[in-house]
């Protein structure tokens, strides 16, 4: 079985001080403990922003908020700052149980 994660929109612009929502949808329901968001600034490696759907990683500013459940997840940036210019990735971990 194939599992996919679809992120929308592909690109977004925001005014300084405004807010942005980035949405991800998984092809199957996923345990919220296994969904995370990453930020990659130009020339840098991706950095964990949000773990377990809504838990901010150490150093993540409070303007970043993760939410969602099942197959729909959202990263919200409230009060956008210039330094938030980056590529944002969502990641879902799917576990397949097997019986032997």
PDB file of N, CA and C in Angstrom:
ATOM      1  N   UNK A   1       0.841  -1.187   0.000  1.00  0.00           N
ATOM      2  CA  UNK A   1       0.000   0.000   0.000  1.00  0.00           C
ATOM      3  C   UNK A   1       0.882   1.245   0.000  1.00  0.00           C
ATOM      4  N   UNK A   2       0.546   2.224  -0.819  1.00  0.00           N
ATOM      5  CA  UNK A   2       1.306   3.466  -0.885  1.00  0.00           C
ATOM      6  C   UNK A   2       0.732   4.492   0.089  1.00  0.00           C
ATOM      7  N   UNK A   3       1.624   5.233   0.715  1.00  0.00           N
ATOM      8  CA  UNK A   3       1.228   6.309   1.610  1.00  0.00           C
ATOM      9  C   UNK A   3       1.810   7.605   1.072  1.00  0.00           C
ATOM     10  N   UNK A   4       1.002   8.638   1.022  1.00  0.00           N
ATOM     11  CA  UNK A   4       1.476   9.917   0.507  1.00  0.00           C
ATOM     12  C   UNK A   4       1.115  11.044   1.466  1.00  0.00           C
ATOM     13  N   UNK A   5       1.922  12.095   1.410  1.00  0.00           N
ATOM     14  CA  UNK A   5       1.650  13.326   2.153  1.00  0.00           C
ATOM     15  C   UNK A   5       1.653  14.461   1.144  1.00  0.00           C
ATOM     16  N   UNK A   6       0.568  15.211   1.090  1.00  0.00           N
ATOM     17  CA  UNK A   6       0.414  16.298   0.125  1.00  0.00           C
ATOM     18  C   UNK A   6       0.377  17.628   0.861  1.00  0.00           C
ATOM     19  N   UNK A   7       1.250  18.534   0.451  1.00  0.00           N
ATOM     20  CA  UNK A   7       1.367  19.835   1.108  1.00  0.00           C
ATOM     21  C   UNK A   7       0.837  20.927   0.194  1.00  0.00           C
ATOM     22  N   UNK A   8       0.029  21.830   0.761  1.00  0.00           N
ATOM     23  CA  UNK A   8      -0.519  22.956   0.003  1.00  0.00           C
ATOM     24  C   UNK A   8      -0.547  24.205   0.875  1.00  0.00           C
ATOM     25  N   UNK A   9      -0.406  25.390   0.287  1.00  0.00           N
ATOM     26  CA  UNK A   9      -0.079  25.625  -1.117  1.00  0.00           C
ATOM     27  C   UNK A   9       1.405  25.368  -1.375  1.00  0.00           C
ATOM     28  N   UNK A  10       1.768  25.315  -2.652  1.00  0.00           N
ATOM     29  CA  UNK A  10       3.171  25.083  -3.003  1.00  0.00           C
ATOM     30  C   UNK A  10       4.030  26.281  -2.616  1.00  0.00           C
ATOM     31  N   UNK A  11       3.460  27.465  -2.696  1.00  0.00           N
ATOM     32  CA  UNK A  11       4.178  28.688  -2.321  1.00  0.00           C
ATOM     33  C   UNK A  11       3.175  29.674  -1.744  1.00  0.00           C
ATOM     34  N   UNK A  12       3.636  30.481  -0.818  1.00  0.00           N
ATOM     35  CA  UNK A  12       2.750  31.457  -0.186  1.00  0.00           C
ATOM     36  C   UNK A  12       3.554  32.713   0.148  1.00  0.00           C
ATOM     37  N   UNK A  13       2.881  33.843   0.028  1.00  0.00           N
ATOM     38  CA  UNK A  13       3.487  35.120   0.410  1.00  0.00           C
ATOM     39  C   UNK A  13       2.676  35.711   1.549  1.00  0.00           C
ATOM     40  N   UNK A  14       3.355  36.443   2.402  1.00  0.00           N
ATOM     41  CA  UNK A  14       2.663  37.070   3.527  1.00  0.00           C
ATOM     42  C   UNK A  14       3.299  38.409   3.833  1.00  0.00           C
ATOM     43  N   UNK A  15       2.487  39.318   4.321  1.00  0.00           N
ATOM     44  CA  UNK A  15       3.003  40.598   4.791  1.00  0.00           C
ATOM     45  C   UNK A  15       3.625  40.401   6.171  1.00  0.00           C
ATOM     46  N   UNK A  16       4.632  41.201   6.465  1.00  0.00           N
ATOM     47  CA  UNK A  16       5.217  41.185   7.802  1.00  0.00           C
ATOM     48  C   UNK A  16       4.110  41.488   8.808  1.00  0.00           C
ATOM     49  N   UNK A  17       4.023  40.652   9.824  1.00  0.00           N
ATOM     50  CA  UNK A  17       2.984  40.813  10.833  1.00  0.00           C
ATOM     51  C   UNK A  17       1.703  40.067  10.520  1.00  0.00           C
ATOM     52  N   UNK A  18       1.595  39.552   9.307  1.00  0.00           N
ATOM     53  CA  UNK A  18       0.410  38.796   8.911  1.00  0.00           C
ATOM     54  C   UNK A  18       0.497  37.351   9.377  1.00  0.00           C
ATOM     55  N   UNK A  19      -0.425  36.546   8.885  1.00  0.00           N
ATOM     56  CA  UNK A  19      -0.413  35.133   9.253  1.00  0.00           C
ATOM     57  C   UNK A  19      -0.496  34.257   8.017  1.00  0.00           C
ATOM     58  N   UNK A  20       0.011  33.043   8.156  1.00  0.00           N
ATOM     59  CA  UNK A  20       0.080  32.086   7.051  1.00  0.00           C
ATOM     60  C   UNK A  20      -0.332  30.715   7.571  1.00  0.00           C
ATOM     61  N   UNK A  21      -1.100  30.005   6.772  1.00  0.00           N
ATOM     62  CA  UNK A  21      -1.400  28.600   7.044  1.00  0.00           C
ATOM     63  C   UNK A  21      -0.799  27.737   5.943  1.00  0.00           C
ATOM     64  N   UNK A  22      -0.105  26.687   6.332  1.00  0.00           N
ATOM     65  CA  UNK A  22       0.388  25.682   5.392  1.00  0.00           C
ATOM     66  C   UNK A  22      -0.269  24.365   5.785  1.00  0.00           C
ATOM     67  N   UNK A  23      -0.886  23.715   4.819  1.00  0.00           N
ATOM     68  CA  UNK A  23      -1.667  22.518   5.110  1.00  0.00           C
ATOM     69  C   UNK A  23      -1.017  21.274   4.532  1.00  0.00           C
ATOM     70  N   UNK A  24      -1.137  20.184   5.259  1.00  0.00           N
ATOM     71  CA  UNK A  24      -0.700  18.883   4.770  1.00  0.00           C
ATOM     72  C   UNK A  24      -1.805  17.868   4.989  1.00  0.00           C
ATOM     73  N   UNK A  25      -1.978  17.023   3.996  1.00  0.00           N
ATOM     74  CA  UNK A  25      -2.972  15.953   4.085  1.00  0.00           C
ATOM     75  C   UNK A  25      -2.277  14.628   3.816  1.00  0.00           C
ATOM     76  N   UNK A  26      -2.545  13.657   4.659  1.00  0.00           N
ATOM     77  CA  UNK A  26      -1.989  12.326   4.474  1.00  0.00           C
ATOM     78  C   UNK A  26      -3.029  11.420   3.821  1.00  0.00           C
ATOM     79  N   UNK A  27      -2.556  10.450   3.070  1.00  0.00           N
ATOM     80  CA  UNK A  27      -3.470   9.574   2.338  1.00  0.00           C
ATOM     81  C   UNK A  27      -4.183   8.590   3.256  1.00  0.00           C
ATOM     82  N   UNK A  28      -3.634   8.391   4.443  1.00  0.00           N
ATOM     83  CA  UNK A  28      -4.256   7.534   5.456  1.00  0.00           C
ATOM     84  C   UNK A  28      -4.195   8.274   6.792  1.00  0.00           C
ATOM     85  N   UNK A  29      -5.129   7.971   7.677  1.00  0.00           N
ATOM     86  CA  UNK A  29      -5.063   8.555   9.009  1.00  0.00           C
ATOM     87  C   UNK A  29      -3.738   8.182   9.671  1.00  0.00           C
ATOM     88  N   UNK A  30      -3.232   9.109  10.471  1.00  0.00           N
ATOM     89  CA  UNK A  30      -1.925   8.914  11.096  1.00  0.00           C
ATOM     90  C   UNK A  30      -2.011   9.301  12.567  1.00  0.00           C
ATOM     91  N   UNK A  31      -1.291   8.591  13.398  1.00  0.00           N
ATOM     92  CA  UNK A  31      -1.202   8.939  14.807  1.00  0.00           C
ATOM     93  C   UNK A  31      -0.521  10.303  14.923  1.00  0.00           C
ATOM     94  N   UNK A  32      -1.132  11.212  15.677  1.00  0.00           N
ATOM     95  CA  UNK A  32      -0.597  12.573  15.763  1.00  0.00           C
ATOM     96  C   UNK A  32       0.790  12.628  16.384  1.00  0.00           C
ATOM     97  N   UNK A  33       1.200  11.554  17.066  1.00  0.00           N
ATOM     98  CA  UNK A  33       2.557  11.509  17.621  1.00  0.00           C
ATOM     99  C   UNK A  33       3.619  11.419  16.537  1.00  0.00           C
ATOM    100  N   UNK A  34       3.211  11.104  15.326  1.00  0.00           N
ATOM    101  CA  UNK A  34       4.166  10.850  14.253  1.00  0.00           C
ATOM    102  C   UNK A  34       4.059  11.855  13.115  1.00  0.00           C
ATOM    103  N   UNK A  35       3.677  13.081  13.453  1.00  0.00           N
ATOM    104  CA  UNK A  35       3.599  14.124  12.424  1.00  0.00           C
ATOM    105  C   UNK A  35       4.433  15.318  12.867  1.00  0.00           C
ATOM    106  N   UNK A  36       5.236  15.851  11.949  1.00  0.00           N
ATOM    107  CA  UNK A  36       6.146  16.941  12.304  1.00  0.00           C
ATOM    108  C   UNK A  36       6.312  17.932  11.157  1.00  0.00           C
ATOM    109  N   UNK A  37       6.847  19.087  11.509  1.00  0.00           N
ATOM    110  CA  UNK A  37       7.104  20.160  10.547  1.00  0.00           C
ATOM    111  C   UNK A  37       8.567  20.576  10.634  1.00  0.00           C
ATOM    112  N   UNK A  38       9.156  20.873   9.476  1.00  0.00           N
ATOM    113  CA  UNK A  38      10.553  21.296   9.392  1.00  0.00           C
ATOM    114  C   UNK A  38      10.654  22.607   8.623  1.00  0.00           C
ATOM    115  N   UNK A  39      11.671  23.371   8.963  1.00  0.00           N
ATOM    116  CA  UNK A  39      11.956  24.637   8.279  1.00  0.00           C
ATOM    117  C   UNK A  39      13.366  24.551   7.701  1.00  0.00           C
ATOM    118  N   UNK A  40      13.499  24.913   6.431  1.00  0.00           N
ATOM    119  CA  UNK A  40      14.824  24.931   5.801  1.00  0.00           C
ATOM    120  C   UNK A  40      15.086  26.309   5.222  1.00  0.00           C
ATOM    121  N   UNK A  41      16.038  27.003   5.818  1.00  0.00           N
ATOM    122  CA  UNK A  41      16.444  28.306   5.296  1.00  0.00           C
ATOM    123  C   UNK A  41      17.521  28.113   4.240  1.00  0.00           C
ATOM    124  N   UNK A  42      17.674  29.106   3.384  1.00  0.00           N
ATOM    125  CA  UNK A  42      18.589  29.018   2.251  1.00  0.00           C
ATOM    126  C   UNK A  42      19.998  28.650   2.712  1.00  0.00           C
ATOM    127  N   UNK A  43      20.536  27.601   2.112  1.00  0.00           N
ATOM    128  CA  UNK A  43      21.895  27.180   2.413  1.00  0.00           C
ATOM    129  C   UNK A  43      22.060  26.393   3.697  1.00  0.00           C
ATOM    130  N   UNK A  44      20.947  26.078   4.366  1.00  0.00           N
ATOM    131  CA  UNK A  44      21.018  25.351   5.629  1.00  0.00           C
ATOM    132  C   UNK A  44      20.302  24.006   5.512  1.00  0.00           C
ATOM    133  N   UNK A  45      20.560  23.143   6.473  1.00  0.00           N
ATOM    134  CA  UNK A  45      19.847  21.869   6.522  1.00  0.00           C
ATOM    135  C   UNK A  45      18.493  22.082   7.206  1.00  0.00           C
ATOM    136  N   UNK A  46      17.521  21.212   6.928  1.00  0.00           N
ATOM    137  CA  UNK A  46      16.205  21.362   7.573  1.00  0.00           C
ATOM    138  C   UNK A  46      16.314  21.274   9.095  1.00  0.00           C
ATOM    139  N   UNK A  47      15.500  22.081   9.758  1.00  0.00           N
ATOM    140  CA  UNK A  47      15.485  22.130  11.217  1.00  0.00           C
ATOM    141  C   UNK A  47      14.083  21.777  11.704  1.00  0.00           C
ATOM    142  N   UNK A  48      14.012  20.922  12.721  1.00  0.00           N
ATOM    143  CA  UNK A  48      12.721  20.556  13.288  1.00  0.00           C
ATOM    144  C   UNK A  48      12.067  21.765  13.948  1.00  0.00           C
ATOM    145  N   UNK A  49      10.829  22.049  13.539  1.00  0.00           N
ATOM    146  CA  UNK A  49      10.054  23.141  14.132  1.00  0.00           C
ATOM    147  C   UNK A  49       9.033  22.626  15.134  1.00  0.00           C
ATOM    148  N   UNK A  50       8.230  21.667  14.663  1.00  0.00           N
ATOM    149  CA  UNK A  50       7.099  21.145  15.432  1.00  0.00           C
ATOM    150  C   UNK A  50       7.156  19.624  15.399  1.00  0.00           C
ATOM    151  N   UNK A  51       7.034  19.013  16.556  1.00  0.00           N
ATOM    152  CA  UNK A  51       7.017  17.554  16.658  1.00  0.00           C
ATOM    153  C   UNK A  51       5.680  17.121  17.249  1.00  0.00           C
ATOM    154  N   UNK A  52       5.280  15.895  16.991  1.00  0.00           N
ATOM    155  CA  UNK A  52       4.043  15.345  17.548  1.00  0.00           C
ATOM    156  C   UNK A  52       2.856  16.269  17.280  1.00  0.00           C
ATOM    157  N   UNK A  53       2.789  16.765  16.075  1.00  0.00           N
ATOM    158  CA  UNK A  53       1.706  17.613  15.567  1.00  0.00           C
ATOM    159  C   UNK A  53       1.740  19.033  16.115  1.00  0.00           C
ATOM    160  N   UNK A  54       1.947  19.203  17.426  1.00  0.00           N
ATOM    161  CA  UNK A  54       1.772  20.535  18.011  1.00  0.00           C
ATOM    162  C   UNK A  54       2.829  20.933  19.036  1.00  0.00           C
ATOM    163  N   UNK A  55       3.839  20.100  19.251  1.00  0.00           N
ATOM    164  CA  UNK A  55       4.868  20.402  20.248  1.00  0.00           C
ATOM    165  C   UNK A  55       6.025  21.146  19.597  1.00  0.00           C
ATOM    166  N   UNK A  56       6.258  22.377  20.033  1.00  0.00           N
ATOM    167  CA  UNK A  56       7.357  23.156  19.473  1.00  0.00           C
ATOM    168  C   UNK A  56       8.699  22.566  19.899  1.00  0.00           C
ATOM    169  N   UNK A  57       9.597  22.459  18.944  1.00  0.00           N
ATOM    170  CA  UNK A  57      10.956  22.031  19.255  1.00  0.00           C
ATOM    171  C   UNK A  57      11.673  23.146  20.007  1.00  0.00           C
ATOM    172  N   UNK A  58      12.731  22.799  20.689  1.00  0.00           N
ATOM    173  CA  UNK A  58      13.514  23.789  21.422  1.00  0.00           C
ATOM    174  C   UNK A  58      13.959  24.905  20.484  1.00  0.00           C
ATOM    175  N   UNK A  59      13.694  26.145  20.882  1.00  0.00           N
ATOM    176  CA  UNK A  59      14.092  27.290  20.076  1.00  0.00           C
ATOM    177  C   UNK A  59      13.069  27.742  19.060  1.00  0.00           C
ATOM    178  N   UNK A  60      11.985  26.997  18.897  1.00  0.00           N
ATOM    179  CA  UNK A  60      10.945  27.405  17.950  1.00  0.00           C
ATOM    180  C   UNK A  60      10.108  28.519  18.562  1.00  0.00           C
ATOM    181  N   UNK A  61      10.012  29.671  17.902  1.00  0.00           N
ATOM    182  CA  UNK A  61       9.234  30.786  18.450  1.00  0.00           C
ATOM    183  C   UNK A  61       7.749  30.449  18.583  1.00  0.00           C
ATOM    184  N   UNK A  62       7.093  31.110  19.513  1.00  0.00           N
ATOM    185  CA  UNK A  62       5.683  30.828  19.792  1.00  0.00           C
ATOM    186  C   UNK A  62       4.758  31.224  18.650  1.00  0.00           C
ATOM    187  N   UNK A  63       5.250  31.985  17.684  1.00  0.00           N
ATOM    188  CA  UNK A  63       4.398  32.347  16.543  1.00  0.00           C
ATOM    189  C   UNK A  63       4.139  31.155  15.615  1.00  0.00           C
ATOM    190  N   UNK A  64       4.898  30.079  15.790  1.00  0.00           N
ATOM    191  CA  UNK A  64       4.683  28.856  15.012  1.00  0.00           C
ATOM    192  C   UNK A  64       3.785  27.915  15.812  1.00  0.00           C
ATOM    193  N   UNK A  65       2.681  27.513  15.190  1.00  0.00           N
ATOM    194  CA  UNK A  65       1.727  26.631  15.859  1.00  0.00           C
ATOM    195  C   UNK A  65       1.352  25.482  14.940  1.00  0.00           C
ATOM    196  N   UNK A  66       1.401  24.283  15.463  1.00  0.00           N
ATOM    197  CA  UNK A  66       0.977  23.114  14.712  1.00  0.00           C
ATOM    198  C   UNK A  66      -0.342  22.594  15.250  1.00  0.00           C
ATOM    199  N   UNK A  67      -1.189  22.120  14.358  1.00  0.00           N
ATOM    200  CA  UNK A  67      -2.479  21.580  14.769  1.00  0.00           C
ATOM    201  C   UNK A  67      -2.915  20.513  13.778  1.00  0.00           C
ATOM    202  N   UNK A  68      -3.980  19.806  14.131  1.00  0.00           N
ATOM    203  CA  UNK A  68      -4.555  18.824  13.223  1.00  0.00           C
ATOM    204  C   UNK A  68      -4.663  17.449  13.838  1.00  0.00           C
ATOM    205  N   UNK A  69      -5.267  16.546  13.081  1.00  0.00           N
ATOM    206  CA  UNK A  69      -5.430  15.163  13.513  1.00  0.00           C
ATOM    207  C   UNK A  69      -5.835  14.319  12.319  1.00  0.00           C
ATOM    208  N   UNK A  70      -5.753  13.016  12.504  1.00  0.00           N
ATOM    209  CA  UNK A  70      -6.168  12.054  11.478  1.00  0.00           C
ATOM    210  C   UNK A  70      -5.385  12.229  10.184  1.00  0.00           C
ATOM    211  N   UNK A  71      -5.939  12.933   9.215  1.00  0.00           N
ATOM    212  CA  UNK A  71      -5.245  13.083   7.931  1.00  0.00           C
ATOM    213  C   UNK A  71      -5.047  14.537   7.525  1.00  0.00           C
ATOM    214  N   UNK A  72      -5.430  15.478   8.379  1.00  0.00           N
ATOM    215  CA  UNK A  72      -5.317  16.901   8.044  1.00  0.00           C
ATOM    216  C   UNK A  72      -4.524  17.639   9.116  1.00  0.00           C
ATOM    217  N   UNK A  73      -3.455  18.306   8.682  1.00  0.00           N
ATOM    218  CA  UNK A  73      -2.562  18.984   9.612  1.00  0.00           C
ATOM    219  C   UNK A  73      -2.217  20.371   9.084  1.00  0.00           C
ATOM    220  N   UNK A  74      -1.993  21.308  10.002  1.00  0.00           N
ATOM    221  CA  UNK A  74      -1.750  22.694   9.618  1.00  0.00           C
ATOM    222  C   UNK A  74      -0.605  23.284  10.428  1.00  0.00           C
ATOM    223  N   UNK A  75       0.262  24.010   9.734  1.00  0.00           N
ATOM    224  CA  UNK A  75       1.264  24.853  10.381  1.00  0.00           C
ATOM    225  C   UNK A  75       0.810  26.291  10.204  1.00  0.00           C
ATOM    226  N   UNK A  76       0.660  27.002  11.308  1.00  0.00           N
ATOM    227  CA  UNK A  76       0.266  28.408  11.274  1.00  0.00           C
ATOM    228  C   UNK A  76       1.426  29.262  11.765  1.00  0.00           C
ATOM    229  N   UNK A  77       1.730  30.295  11.001  1.00  0.00           N
ATOM    230  CA  UNK A  77       2.717  31.292  11.435  1.00  0.00           C
ATOM    231  C   UNK A  77       1.946  32.579  11.670  1.00  0.00           C
ATOM    232  N   UNK A  78       1.890  33.017  12.908  1.00  0.00           N
ATOM    233  CA  UNK A  78       1.162  34.232  13.277  1.00  0.00           C
ATOM    234  C   UNK A  78       2.164  35.337  13.579  1.00  0.00           C
ATOM    235  N   UNK A  79       1.960  36.492  12.967  1.00  0.00           N
ATOM    236  CA  UNK A  79       2.934  37.565  13.141  1.00  0.00           C
ATOM    237  C   UNK A  79       4.211  37.264  12.390  1.00  0.00           C
ATOM    238  N   UNK A  80       4.066  37.008  11.105  1.00  0.00           N
ATOM    239  CA  UNK A  80       5.195  36.616  10.247  1.00  0.00           C
ATOM    240  C   UNK A  80       6.331  37.634  10.328  1.00  0.00           C
ATOM    241  N   UNK A  81       7.547  37.113  10.421  1.00  0.00           N
ATOM    242  CA  UNK A  81       8.749  37.944  10.434  1.00  0.00           C
ATOM    243  C   UNK A  81       9.573  37.674   9.175  1.00  0.00           C
ATOM    244  N   UNK A  82      10.430  38.628   8.822  1.00  0.00           N
ATOM    245  CA  UNK A  82      11.246  38.475   7.616  1.00  0.00           C
ATOM    246  C   UNK A  82      12.091  37.209   7.678  1.00  0.00           C
ATOM    247  N   UNK A  83      12.552  36.857   8.870  1.00  0.00           N
ATOM    248  CA  UNK A  83      13.420  35.679   9.006  1.00  0.00           C
ATOM    249  C   UNK A  83      12.671  34.360   8.831  1.00  0.00           C
ATOM    250  N   UNK A  84      11.353  34.431   8.681  1.00  0.00           N
ATOM    251  CA  UNK A  84      10.566  33.213   8.457  1.00  0.00           C
ATOM    252  C   UNK A  84      10.590  32.775   6.994  1.00  0.00           C
ATOM    253  N   UNK A  85      11.219  33.572   6.136  1.00  0.00           N
ATOM    254  CA  UNK A  85      11.369  33.180   4.733  1.00  0.00           C
ATOM    255  C   UNK A  85      12.161  31.879   4.666  1.00  0.00           C
ATOM    256  N   UNK A  86      11.534  30.831   4.137  1.00  0.00           N
ATOM    257  CA  UNK A  86      12.145  29.498   4.158  1.00  0.00           C
ATOM    258  C   UNK A  86      11.267  28.536   3.375  1.00  0.00           C
ATOM    259  N   UNK A  87      11.775  27.326   3.228  1.00  0.00           N
ATOM    260  CA  UNK A  87      10.969  26.211   2.733  1.00  0.00           C
ATOM    261  C   UNK A  87      10.491  25.431   3.952  1.00  0.00           C
ATOM    262  N   UNK A  88       9.221  25.085   3.956  1.00  0.00           N
ATOM    263  CA  UNK A  88       8.633  24.335   5.065  1.00  0.00           C
ATOM    264  C   UNK A  88       8.197  22.960   4.572  1.00  0.00           C
ATOM    265  N   UNK A  89       8.567  21.955   5.346  1.00  0.00           N
ATOM    266  CA  UNK A  89       8.226  20.575   5.009  1.00  0.00           C
ATOM    267  C   UNK A  89       7.378  19.968   6.122  1.00  0.00           C
ATOM    268  N   UNK A  90       6.427  19.164   5.728  1.00  0.00           N
ATOM    269  CA  UNK A  90       5.728  18.340   6.711  1.00  0.00           C
ATOM    270  C   UNK A  90       6.159  16.893   6.516  1.00  0.00           C
ATOM    271  N   UNK A  91       6.081  16.125   7.596  1.00  0.00           N
ATOM    272  CA  UNK A  91       6.478  14.719   7.516  1.00  0.00           C
ATOM    273  C   UNK A  91       5.559  13.870   8.375  1.00  0.00           C
ATOM    274  N   UNK A  92       5.028  12.828   7.771  1.00  0.00           N
ATOM    275  CA  UNK A  92       4.245  11.850   8.511  1.00  0.00           C
ATOM    276  C   UNK A  92       4.949  10.513   8.486  1.00  0.00           C
ATOM    277  N   UNK A  93       4.985   9.847   9.629  1.00  0.00           N
ATOM    278  CA  UNK A  93       5.603   8.522   9.720  1.00  0.00           C
ATOM    279  C   UNK A  93       4.498   7.473   9.779  1.00  0.00           C
ATOM    280  N   UNK A  94       4.535   6.562   8.839  1.00  0.00           N
ATOM    281  CA  UNK A  94       3.529   5.505   8.770  1.00  0.00           C
ATOM    282  C   UNK A  94       4.149   4.189   9.214  1.00  0.00           C
ATOM    283  N   UNK A  95       3.455   3.504  10.091  1.00  0.00           N
ATOM    284  CA  UNK A  95       3.934   2.221  10.586  1.00  0.00           C
ATOM    285  C   UNK A  95       2.958   1.127  10.180  1.00  0.00           C
ATOM    286  N   UNK A  96       3.497   0.095   9.602  1.00  0.00           N
ATOM    287  CA  UNK A  96       2.681  -1.026   9.153  1.00  0.00           C
ATOM    288  C   UNK A  96       2.942  -2.205  10.079  1.00  0.00           C
ATOM    289  N   UNK A  97       1.891  -2.673  10.709  1.00  0.00           N
ATOM    290  CA  UNK A  97       2.057  -3.821  11.600  1.00  0.00           C
ATOM    291  C   UNK A  97       1.887  -5.110  10.810  1.00  0.00           C
ATOM    292  N   UNK A  98       2.676  -6.082  11.170  1.00  0.00           N
ATOM    293  CA  UNK A  98       2.624  -7.376  10.494  1.00  0.00           C
ATOM    294  C   UNK A  98       2.405  -8.477  11.519  1.00  0.00           C
ATOM    295  N   UNK A  99       1.664  -9.473  11.124  1.00  0.00           N
ATOM    296  CA  UNK A  99       1.438 -10.631  11.978  1.00  0.00           C
ATOM    297  C   UNK A  99       2.129 -11.837  11.358  1.00  0.00           C
ATOM    298  N   UNK A 100       2.917 -12.519  12.158  1.00  0.00           N
ATOM    299  CA  UNK A 100       3.644 -13.681  11.658  1.00  0.00           C
ATOM    300  C   UNK A 100       3.099 -14.939  12.332  1.00  0.00           C
TER     301      UNK A 100
END
